Amino acid sequence: MVGASHSWRLTQNLLTYSAGDLHVKLMQLLSLLTIGLLLSTSTHASTKMALMLKYIDGMTFENFPANLDLGRCFIAGDSAGGNLAHHVVLKACEHTFSNIKIKGLIAMQPFFGGEERTESEIKLVGVPLISVERTDWMWKAFLPEGSDRNHSVVNVFGPNAVDISGVKFPATLLFVGGFDPLQDWQKRYHEGLKKSGKEVHLVEYPNVFHGFYCLPESPEFSLLIGEVKSFVQKQSSLT
């Protein structure tokens, strides 16, 4: 929910767009996975990102590797960026691209919510980074005046949600942490995708808090990289 620096980087075989130092570090690690395009969302509006995809779709990439494959594009985001990544993909599904094919969505502890107080929000008090008071303030600062947390941007499978059952939504890799107060909303996201007939892979780490990937020395960080690698490789191999 805060401002971040944005940058394009060509790292080994992967052209990445990222926002902020953390995203740059993650994308550098993930750059070893494939020859393709990985977009990491942070504070971008989904419409702007979708328009950027249209721009990328028409680029010649004369100064980039000849084997850069726009047909293997992945959208990735963590926390608020995970929420935005969902909406970027949803907005991109409205467009017809000539070259780009979005093969997957990678959502790391996406920042979803709603008016209801979930069990994990009530139970997990005093954990790092996330509290009900903080998330309430963030949504109040972000949402249009007069809106509540059941807005479709917040509660993506809530009472005001967009029906995505008829949308060609790509496969999703979803990460959830056992000490993240937002985990119940993330699990509802998983259920919502499944009920809408979408492919989704849930990875749960019971001992991690929100934003655990800020600690590269943690064992779950390496596990996350391995899961993303497998997901990217599997989805990239599909026609």
C-alpha atoms as a PDB file:
ATOM      1  CA  MET A   1       0.000   0.000   0.000  1.00  0.00           C
ATOM      2  CA  VAL A   2       3.060   2.248  -0.086  1.00  0.00           C
ATOM      3  CA  GLY A   3       5.031   3.730  -2.951  1.00  0.00           C
ATOM      4  CA  ALA A   4       7.788   1.671  -4.525  1.00  0.00           C
ATOM      5  CA  SER A   5      10.448   2.039  -7.192  1.00  0.00           C
ATOM      6  CA  HIS A   6       9.775   0.255 -10.467  1.00  0.00           C
ATOM      7  CA  SER A   7      12.314  -1.152 -12.898  1.00  0.00           C
ATOM      8  CA  TRP A   8      12.878  -3.359 -15.912  1.00  0.00           C
ATOM      9  CA  ARG A   9      15.780  -5.797 -15.623  1.00  0.00           C
ATOM     10  CA  LEU A  10      17.292  -8.305 -17.997  1.00  0.00           C
ATOM     11  CA  THR A  11      18.733 -10.972 -15.719  1.00  0.00           C
ATOM     12  CA  GLN A  12      20.262 -13.963 -17.449  1.00  0.00           C
ATOM     13  CA  ASN A  13      17.428 -15.520 -19.484  1.00  0.00           C
ATOM     14  CA  LEU A  14      14.410 -13.687 -18.079  1.00  0.00           C
ATOM     15  CA  LEU A  15      13.073 -10.218 -18.741  1.00  0.00           C
ATOM     16  CA  THR A  16      11.431  -9.020 -15.542  1.00  0.00           C
ATOM     17  CA  TYR A  17       9.440  -6.012 -14.450  1.00  0.00           C
ATOM     18  CA  SER A  18       9.501  -5.480 -10.724  1.00  0.00           C
ATOM     19  CA  ALA A  19       8.644  -2.970  -8.042  1.00  0.00           C
ATOM     20  CA  GLY A  20      10.902  -2.372  -5.058  1.00  0.00           C
ATOM     21  CA  ASP A  21      14.112  -3.980  -3.825  1.00  0.00           C
ATOM     22  CA  LEU A  22      12.461  -7.135  -2.468  1.00  0.00           C
ATOM     23  CA  HIS A  23      10.795  -7.822  -5.790  1.00  0.00           C
ATOM     24  CA  VAL A  24      14.067  -7.258  -7.652  1.00  0.00           C
ATOM     25  CA  LYS A  25      15.831  -9.825  -5.457  1.00  0.00           C
ATOM     26  CA  LEU A  26      13.043 -12.372  -5.880  1.00  0.00           C
ATOM     27  CA  MET A  27      12.914 -11.847  -9.615  1.00  0.00           C
ATOM     28  CA  GLN A  28      16.683 -12.227  -9.921  1.00  0.00           C
ATOM     29  CA  LEU A  29      16.405 -15.632  -8.262  1.00  0.00           C
ATOM     30  CA  LEU A  30      13.461 -16.645 -10.414  1.00  0.00           C
ATOM     31  CA  SER A  31      15.295 -15.502 -13.541  1.00  0.00           C
ATOM     32  CA  LEU A  32      17.085 -18.832 -13.619  1.00  0.00           C
ATOM     33  CA  LEU A  33      13.839 -20.659 -14.310  1.00  0.00           C
ATOM     34  CA  THR A  34      12.877 -19.980 -17.913  1.00  0.00           C
ATOM     35  CA  ILE A  35      13.273 -17.849 -20.990  1.00  0.00           C
ATOM     36  CA  GLY A  36      10.163 -15.738 -20.795  1.00  0.00           C
ATOM     37  CA  LEU A  37       8.499 -12.755 -19.228  1.00  0.00           C
ATOM     38  CA  LEU A  38       7.730 -12.406 -15.522  1.00  0.00           C
ATOM     39  CA  LEU A  39       5.816  -9.361 -14.291  1.00  0.00           C
ATOM     40  CA  SER A  40       5.901  -8.608 -10.575  1.00  0.00           C
ATOM     41  CA  THR A  41       3.161  -6.313  -9.300  1.00  0.00           C
ATOM     42  CA  SER A  42       3.364  -3.965  -6.354  1.00  0.00           C
ATOM     43  CA  THR A  43       1.520  -0.638  -6.360  1.00  0.00           C
ATOM     44  CA  HIS A  44       0.386  -0.562  -9.994  1.00  0.00           C
ATOM     45  CA  ALA A  45      -3.251  -0.253 -10.929  1.00  0.00           C
ATOM     46  CA  SER A  46      -4.436  -3.330 -12.778  1.00  0.00           C
ATOM     47  CA  THR A  47      -5.664  -1.329 -15.790  1.00  0.00           C
ATOM     48  CA  LYS A  48      -2.249   0.300 -16.239  1.00  0.00           C
ATOM     49  CA  MET A  49      -0.518  -3.053 -16.047  1.00  0.00           C
ATOM     50  CA  ALA A  50      -2.890  -4.533 -18.613  1.00  0.00           C
ATOM     51  CA  LEU A  51      -2.173  -1.606 -20.929  1.00  0.00           C
ATOM     52  CA  MET A  52       1.534  -2.194 -20.407  1.00  0.00           C
ATOM     53  CA  LEU A  53       1.026  -5.813 -21.496  1.00  0.00           C
ATOM     54  CA  LYS A  54      -0.557  -4.512 -24.696  1.00  0.00           C
ATOM     55  CA  TYR A  55       2.509  -2.313 -25.210  1.00  0.00           C
ATOM     56  CA  ILE A  56       4.907  -5.206 -24.578  1.00  0.00           C
ATOM     57  CA  ASP A  57       2.881  -7.346 -26.968  1.00  0.00           C
ATOM     58  CA  GLY A  58       3.837  -5.064 -29.865  1.00  0.00           C
ATOM     59  CA  MET A  59       7.521  -4.548 -28.976  1.00  0.00           C
ATOM     60  CA  THR A  60      10.262  -5.900 -31.236  1.00  0.00           C
ATOM     61  CA  PHE A  61      12.815  -6.517 -28.437  1.00  0.00           C
ATOM     62  CA  GLU A  62      15.703  -5.831 -30.789  1.00  0.00           C
ATOM     63  CA  ASN A  63      18.119  -5.419 -27.874  1.00  0.00           C
ATOM     64  CA  PHE A  64      16.996  -8.560 -26.042  1.00  0.00           C
ATOM     65  CA  PRO A  65      17.766 -12.251 -26.567  1.00  0.00           C
ATOM     66  CA  ALA A  66      16.249 -13.691 -29.711  1.00  0.00           C
ATOM     67  CA  ASN A  67      14.843 -16.595 -27.704  1.00  0.00           C
ATOM     68  CA  LEU A  68      12.858 -14.404 -25.302  1.00  0.00           C
ATOM     69  CA  ASP A  69       9.472 -16.122 -25.394  1.00  0.00           C
ATOM     70  CA  LEU A  70       6.471 -13.832 -24.837  1.00  0.00           C
ATOM     71  CA  GLY A  71       4.315 -16.925 -25.137  1.00  0.00           C
ATOM     72  CA  ARG A  72       5.443 -17.842 -21.608  1.00  0.00           C
ATOM     73  CA  CYS A  73       4.381 -14.893 -19.482  1.00  0.00           C
ATOM     74  CA  PHE A  74       3.795 -15.189 -15.724  1.00  0.00           C
ATOM     75  CA  ILE A  75       2.276 -12.565 -13.436  1.00  0.00           C
ATOM     76  CA  ALA A  76       3.600 -12.643  -9.866  1.00  0.00           C
ATOM     77  CA  GLY A  77       2.895 -10.636  -6.731  1.00  0.00           C
ATOM     78  CA  ASP A  78       3.179 -10.828  -2.971  1.00  0.00           C
ATOM     79  CA  SER A  79       0.881  -9.362  -0.314  1.00  0.00           C
ATOM     80  CA  ALA A  80      -0.857  -6.320  -1.879  1.00  0.00           C
ATOM     81  CA  GLY A  81       0.976  -7.226  -5.085  1.00  0.00           C
ATOM     82  CA  GLY A  82      -0.711 -10.634  -4.967  1.00  0.00           C
ATOM     83  CA  ASN A  83      -4.100  -8.932  -4.898  1.00  0.00           C
ATOM     84  CA  LEU A  84      -3.062  -6.720  -7.806  1.00  0.00           C
ATOM     85  CA  ALA A  85      -1.673  -9.680  -9.720  1.00  0.00           C
ATOM     86  CA  HIS A  86      -5.140 -11.282  -9.625  1.00  0.00           C
ATOM     87  CA  HIS A  87      -6.754  -8.121 -10.981  1.00  0.00           C
ATOM     88  CA  VAL A  88      -4.027  -7.622 -13.605  1.00  0.00           C
ATOM     89  CA  VAL A  89      -4.666 -11.127 -14.919  1.00  0.00           C
ATOM     90  CA  LEU A  90      -8.421 -10.581 -14.811  1.00  0.00           C
ATOM     91  CA  LYS A  91      -8.081  -7.314 -16.735  1.00  0.00           C
ATOM     92  CA  ALA A  92      -5.651  -8.891 -19.197  1.00  0.00           C
ATOM     93  CA  CYS A  93      -8.222 -11.617 -19.915  1.00  0.00           C
ATOM     94  CA  GLU A  94     -10.354  -8.889 -21.523  1.00  0.00           C
ATOM     95  CA  HIS A  95      -7.695  -8.315 -24.202  1.00  0.00           C
ATOM     96  CA  THR A  96      -6.585 -10.322 -27.200  1.00  0.00           C
ATOM     97  CA  PHE A  97      -2.794 -10.354 -27.507  1.00  0.00           C
ATOM     98  CA  SER A  98      -0.834 -11.144 -30.642  1.00  0.00           C
ATOM     99  CA  ASN A  99       2.300 -12.448 -28.952  1.00  0.00           C
ATOM    100  CA  ILE A 100       1.822 -12.604 -25.202  1.00  0.00           C
ATOM    101  CA  LYS A 101       0.296 -15.645 -23.567  1.00  0.00           C
ATOM    102  CA  ILE A 102      -0.175 -15.557 -19.807  1.00  0.00           C
ATOM    103  CA  LYS A 103       0.721 -19.033 -18.616  1.00  0.00           C
ATOM    104  CA  GLY A 104       0.278 -18.581 -14.902  1.00  0.00           C
ATOM    105  CA  LEU A 105      -0.386 -16.426 -11.850  1.00  0.00           C
ATOM    106  CA  ILE A 106       1.905 -16.647  -8.809  1.00  0.00           C
ATOM    107  CA  ALA A 107       0.220 -15.243  -5.688  1.00  0.00           C
ATOM    108  CA  MET A 108       2.365 -15.128  -2.555  1.00  0.00           C
ATOM    109  CA  GLN A 109       0.167 -14.491   0.502  1.00  0.00           C
ATOM    110  CA  PRO A 110      -2.174 -12.185  -1.448  1.00  0.00           C
ATOM    111  CA  PHE A 111      -3.758  -9.327   0.485  1.00  0.00           C
ATOM    112  CA  PHE A 112      -7.501 -10.054   0.426  1.00  0.00           C
ATOM    113  CA  GLY A 113     -10.162  -9.264   2.985  1.00  0.00           C
ATOM    114  CA  GLY A 114     -13.816  -8.617   3.724  1.00  0.00           C
ATOM    115  CA  GLU A 115     -16.248  -7.264   6.282  1.00  0.00           C
ATOM    116  CA  GLU A 116     -16.418 -10.542   8.192  1.00  0.00           C
ATOM    117  CA  ARG A 117     -13.835 -11.275  10.877  1.00  0.00           C
ATOM    118  CA  THR A 118     -12.317 -14.651  10.090  1.00  0.00           C
ATOM    119  CA  GLU A 119     -10.969 -17.134  12.622  1.00  0.00           C
ATOM    120  CA  SER A 120      -7.360 -16.444  11.670  1.00  0.00           C
ATOM    121  CA  GLU A 121      -7.846 -12.664  11.999  1.00  0.00           C
ATOM    122  CA  ILE A 122      -9.302 -13.099  15.485  1.00  0.00           C
ATOM    123  CA  LYS A 123      -6.835 -15.730  16.685  1.00  0.00           C
ATOM    124  CA  LEU A 124      -3.529 -14.432  15.321  1.00  0.00           C
ATOM    125  CA  VAL A 125      -2.895 -11.330  17.411  1.00  0.00           C
ATOM    126  CA  GLY A 126       0.597  -9.936  17.873  1.00  0.00           C
ATOM    127  CA  VAL A 127       2.159 -11.665  14.878  1.00  0.00           C
ATOM    128  CA  PRO A 128       4.652  -9.741  12.700  1.00  0.00           C
ATOM    129  CA  LEU A 129       3.532  -7.159  10.125  1.00  0.00           C
ATOM    130  CA  ILE A 130      -0.216  -7.809   9.990  1.00  0.00           C
ATOM    131  CA  SER A 131      -2.991  -6.869  12.413  1.00  0.00           C
ATOM    132  CA  VAL A 132      -6.714  -6.291  11.988  1.00  0.00           C
ATOM    133  CA  GLU A 133      -6.268  -2.642  12.932  1.00  0.00           C
ATOM    134  CA  ARG A 134      -3.579  -2.146  10.314  1.00  0.00           C
ATOM    135  CA  THR A 135      -5.441  -3.914   7.510  1.00  0.00           C
ATOM    136  CA  ASP A 136      -8.659  -2.005   8.336  1.00  0.00           C
ATOM    137  CA  TRP A 137      -6.748   1.281   8.074  1.00  0.00           C
ATOM    138  CA  MET A 138      -5.148   0.252   4.773  1.00  0.00           C
ATOM    139  CA  TRP A 139      -8.459  -0.673   3.182  1.00  0.00           C
ATOM    140  CA  LYS A 140     -10.120   2.511   4.459  1.00  0.00           C
ATOM    141  CA  ALA A 141      -7.304   4.580   2.957  1.00  0.00           C
ATOM    142  CA  PHE A 142      -7.441   2.678  -0.332  1.00  0.00           C
ATOM    143  CA  LEU A 143     -11.137   2.189  -1.063  1.00  0.00           C
ATOM    144  CA  PRO A 144     -13.438   4.777  -2.659  1.00  0.00           C
ATOM    145  CA  GLU A 145     -15.493   6.792  -0.194  1.00  0.00           C
ATOM    146  CA  GLY A 146     -18.640   4.923   0.800  1.00  0.00           C
ATOM    147  CA  SER A 147     -17.221   1.473   0.006  1.00  0.00           C
ATOM    148  CA  ASP A 148     -16.686  -1.266   2.543  1.00  0.00           C
ATOM    149  CA  ARG A 149     -14.382  -4.275   2.628  1.00  0.00           C
ATOM    150  CA  ASN A 150     -16.808  -6.356   0.567  1.00  0.00           C
ATOM    151  CA  HIS A 151     -15.767  -4.310  -2.453  1.00  0.00           C
ATOM    152  CA  SER A 152     -14.841  -6.655  -5.314  1.00  0.00           C
ATOM    153  CA  VAL A 153     -11.223  -5.499  -5.178  1.00  0.00           C
ATOM    154  CA  VAL A 154     -10.932  -6.642  -1.560  1.00  0.00           C
ATOM    155  CA  ASN A 155     -13.273  -9.616  -1.271  1.00  0.00           C
ATOM    156  CA  VAL A 156     -12.724 -11.112  -4.721  1.00  0.00           C
ATOM    157  CA  PHE A 157     -15.160 -13.983  -4.180  1.00  0.00           C
ATOM    158  CA  GLY A 158     -17.536 -12.095  -1.887  1.00  0.00           C
ATOM    159  CA  PRO A 159     -21.082 -10.773  -2.382  1.00  0.00           C
ATOM    160  CA  ASN A 160     -19.993  -8.135  -4.928  1.00  0.00           C
ATOM    161  CA  ALA A 161     -17.464 -10.306  -6.754  1.00  0.00           C
ATOM    162  CA  VAL A 162     -17.009 -10.558 -10.492  1.00  0.00           C
ATOM    163  CA  ASP A 163     -18.041 -13.972 -11.838  1.00  0.00           C
ATOM    164  CA  ILE A 164     -14.935 -15.445 -13.458  1.00  0.00           C
ATOM    165  CA  SER A 165     -16.386 -18.851 -14.295  1.00  0.00           C
ATOM    166  CA  GLY A 166     -16.544 -17.929 -17.985  1.00  0.00           C
ATOM    167  CA  VAL A 167     -13.141 -16.216 -18.054  1.00  0.00           C
ATOM    168  CA  LYS A 168     -10.090 -17.961 -19.478  1.00  0.00           C
ATOM    169  CA  PHE A 169      -8.116 -17.509 -16.261  1.00  0.00           C
ATOM    170  CA  PRO A 170      -4.629 -19.090 -16.142  1.00  0.00           C
ATOM    171  CA  ALA A 171      -3.366 -21.636 -13.631  1.00  0.00           C
ATOM    172  CA  THR A 172      -2.568 -20.150 -10.211  1.00  0.00           C
ATOM    173  CA  LEU A 173       0.116 -21.001  -7.663  1.00  0.00           C
ATOM    174  CA  LEU A 174      -0.988 -19.771  -4.231  1.00  0.00           C
ATOM    175  CA  PHE A 175       1.194 -19.546  -1.106  1.00  0.00           C
ATOM    176  CA  VAL A 176      -0.343 -19.358   2.394  1.00  0.00           C
ATOM    177  CA  GLY A 177       1.354 -19.032   5.797  1.00  0.00           C
ATOM    178  CA  GLY A 178       0.133 -20.505   9.073  1.00  0.00           C
ATOM    179  CA  PHE A 179       0.884 -17.340  11.074  1.00  0.00           C
ATOM    180  CA  ASP A 180      -0.651 -14.956   8.554  1.00  0.00           C
ATOM    181  CA  PRO A 181      -3.932 -13.420   9.806  1.00  0.00           C
ATOM    182  CA  LEU A 182      -5.011 -13.168   6.144  1.00  0.00           C
ATOM    183  CA  GLN A 183      -4.739 -16.911   5.546  1.00  0.00           C
ATOM    184  CA  ASP A 184      -8.482 -17.586   5.762  1.00  0.00           C
ATOM    185  CA  TRP A 185      -9.131 -15.045   2.998  1.00  0.00           C
ATOM    186  CA  GLN A 186      -6.383 -16.631   0.920  1.00  0.00           C
ATOM    187  CA  LYS A 187      -7.923 -20.078   1.401  1.00  0.00           C
ATOM    188  CA  ARG A 188     -11.300 -18.678   0.345  1.00  0.00           C
ATOM    189  CA  TYR A 189      -9.559 -17.401  -2.765  1.00  0.00           C
ATOM    190  CA  HIS A 190      -8.346 -20.943  -3.390  1.00  0.00           C
ATOM    191  CA  GLU A 191     -11.873 -22.303  -2.961  1.00  0.00           C
ATOM    192  CA  GLY A 192     -13.330 -19.557  -5.146  1.00  0.00           C
ATOM    193  CA  LEU A 193     -10.968 -20.370  -7.991  1.00  0.00           C
ATOM    194  CA  LYS A 194     -11.787 -24.077  -7.719  1.00  0.00           C
ATOM    195  CA  LYS A 195     -15.549 -23.447  -7.668  1.00  0.00           C
ATOM    196  CA  SER A 196     -15.122 -21.265 -10.759  1.00  0.00           C
ATOM    197  CA  GLY A 197     -13.484 -24.183 -12.538  1.00  0.00           C
ATOM    198  CA  LYS A 198      -9.955 -22.753 -12.502  1.00  0.00           C
ATOM    199  CA  GLU A 199      -6.702 -24.616 -11.936  1.00  0.00           C
ATOM    200  CA  VAL A 200      -5.110 -23.626  -8.636  1.00  0.00           C
ATOM    201  CA  HIS A 201      -2.271 -25.133  -6.610  1.00  0.00           C
ATOM    202  CA  LEU A 202      -2.224 -24.355  -2.882  1.00  0.00           C
ATOM    203  CA  VAL A 203       1.072 -24.444  -0.988  1.00  0.00           C
ATOM    204  CA  GLU A 204       0.853 -24.014   2.789  1.00  0.00           C
ATOM    205  CA  TYR A 205       3.768 -23.339   5.132  1.00  0.00           C
ATOM    206  CA  PRO A 206       2.373 -23.697   8.685  1.00  0.00           C
ATOM    207  CA  ASN A 207       5.244 -21.954  10.481  1.00  0.00           C
ATOM    208  CA  VAL A 208       5.616 -18.709   8.517  1.00  0.00           C
ATOM    209  CA  PHE A 209       4.235 -15.189   8.957  1.00  0.00           C
ATOM    210  CA  HIS A 210       3.118 -12.669   6.339  1.00  0.00           C
ATOM    211  CA  GLY A 211       6.098 -11.654   4.218  1.00  0.00           C
ATOM    212  CA  PHE A 212       8.341 -14.563   5.278  1.00  0.00           C
ATOM    213  CA  TYR A 213      10.134 -14.382   1.919  1.00  0.00           C
ATOM    214  CA  CYS A 214      11.889 -11.259   3.248  1.00  0.00           C
ATOM    215  CA  LEU A 215      14.132 -13.742   5.076  1.00  0.00           C
ATOM    216  CA  PRO A 216      16.110 -15.645   2.403  1.00  0.00           C
ATOM    217  CA  GLU A 217      17.810 -17.716   5.104  1.00  0.00           C
ATOM    218  CA  SER A 218      14.532 -19.347   6.117  1.00  0.00           C
ATOM    219  CA  PRO A 219      13.987 -22.903   4.821  1.00  0.00           C
ATOM    220  CA  GLU A 220      10.572 -21.936   3.452  1.00  0.00           C
ATOM    221  CA  PHE A 221      12.186 -19.336   1.182  1.00  0.00           C
ATOM    222  CA  SER A 222      14.103 -22.077  -0.626  1.00  0.00           C
ATOM    223  CA  LEU A 223      10.977 -24.221  -0.739  1.00  0.00           C
ATOM    224  CA  LEU A 224       9.051 -21.327  -2.300  1.00  0.00           C
ATOM    225  CA  ILE A 225      11.674 -20.891  -5.014  1.00  0.00           C
ATOM    226  CA  GLY A 226      11.496 -24.617  -5.742  1.00  0.00           C
ATOM    227  CA  GLU A 227       7.688 -24.560  -5.973  1.00  0.00           C
ATOM    228  CA  VAL A 228       7.748 -21.590  -8.319  1.00  0.00           C
ATOM    229  CA  LYS A 229      10.394 -23.262 -10.460  1.00  0.00           C
ATOM    230  CA  SER A 230       8.307 -26.425 -10.800  1.00  0.00           C
ATOM    231  CA  PHE A 231       5.156 -24.421 -11.550  1.00  0.00           C
ATOM    232  CA  VAL A 232       6.834 -22.276 -14.206  1.00  0.00           C
ATOM    233  CA  GLN A 233       8.436 -25.279 -15.859  1.00  0.00           C
ATOM    234  CA  LYS A 234       5.202 -27.277 -15.866  1.00  0.00           C
ATOM    235  CA  GLN A 235       3.034 -24.456 -17.207  1.00  0.00           C
ATOM    236  CA  SER A 236       5.661 -23.467 -19.765  1.00  0.00           C
ATOM    237  CA  SER A 237       5.651 -26.997 -21.189  1.00  0.00           C
ATOM    238  CA  LEU A 238       1.890 -26.905 -21.857  1.00  0.00           C
ATOM    239  CA  THR A 239       0.611 -25.784 -25.228  1.00  0.00           C
END
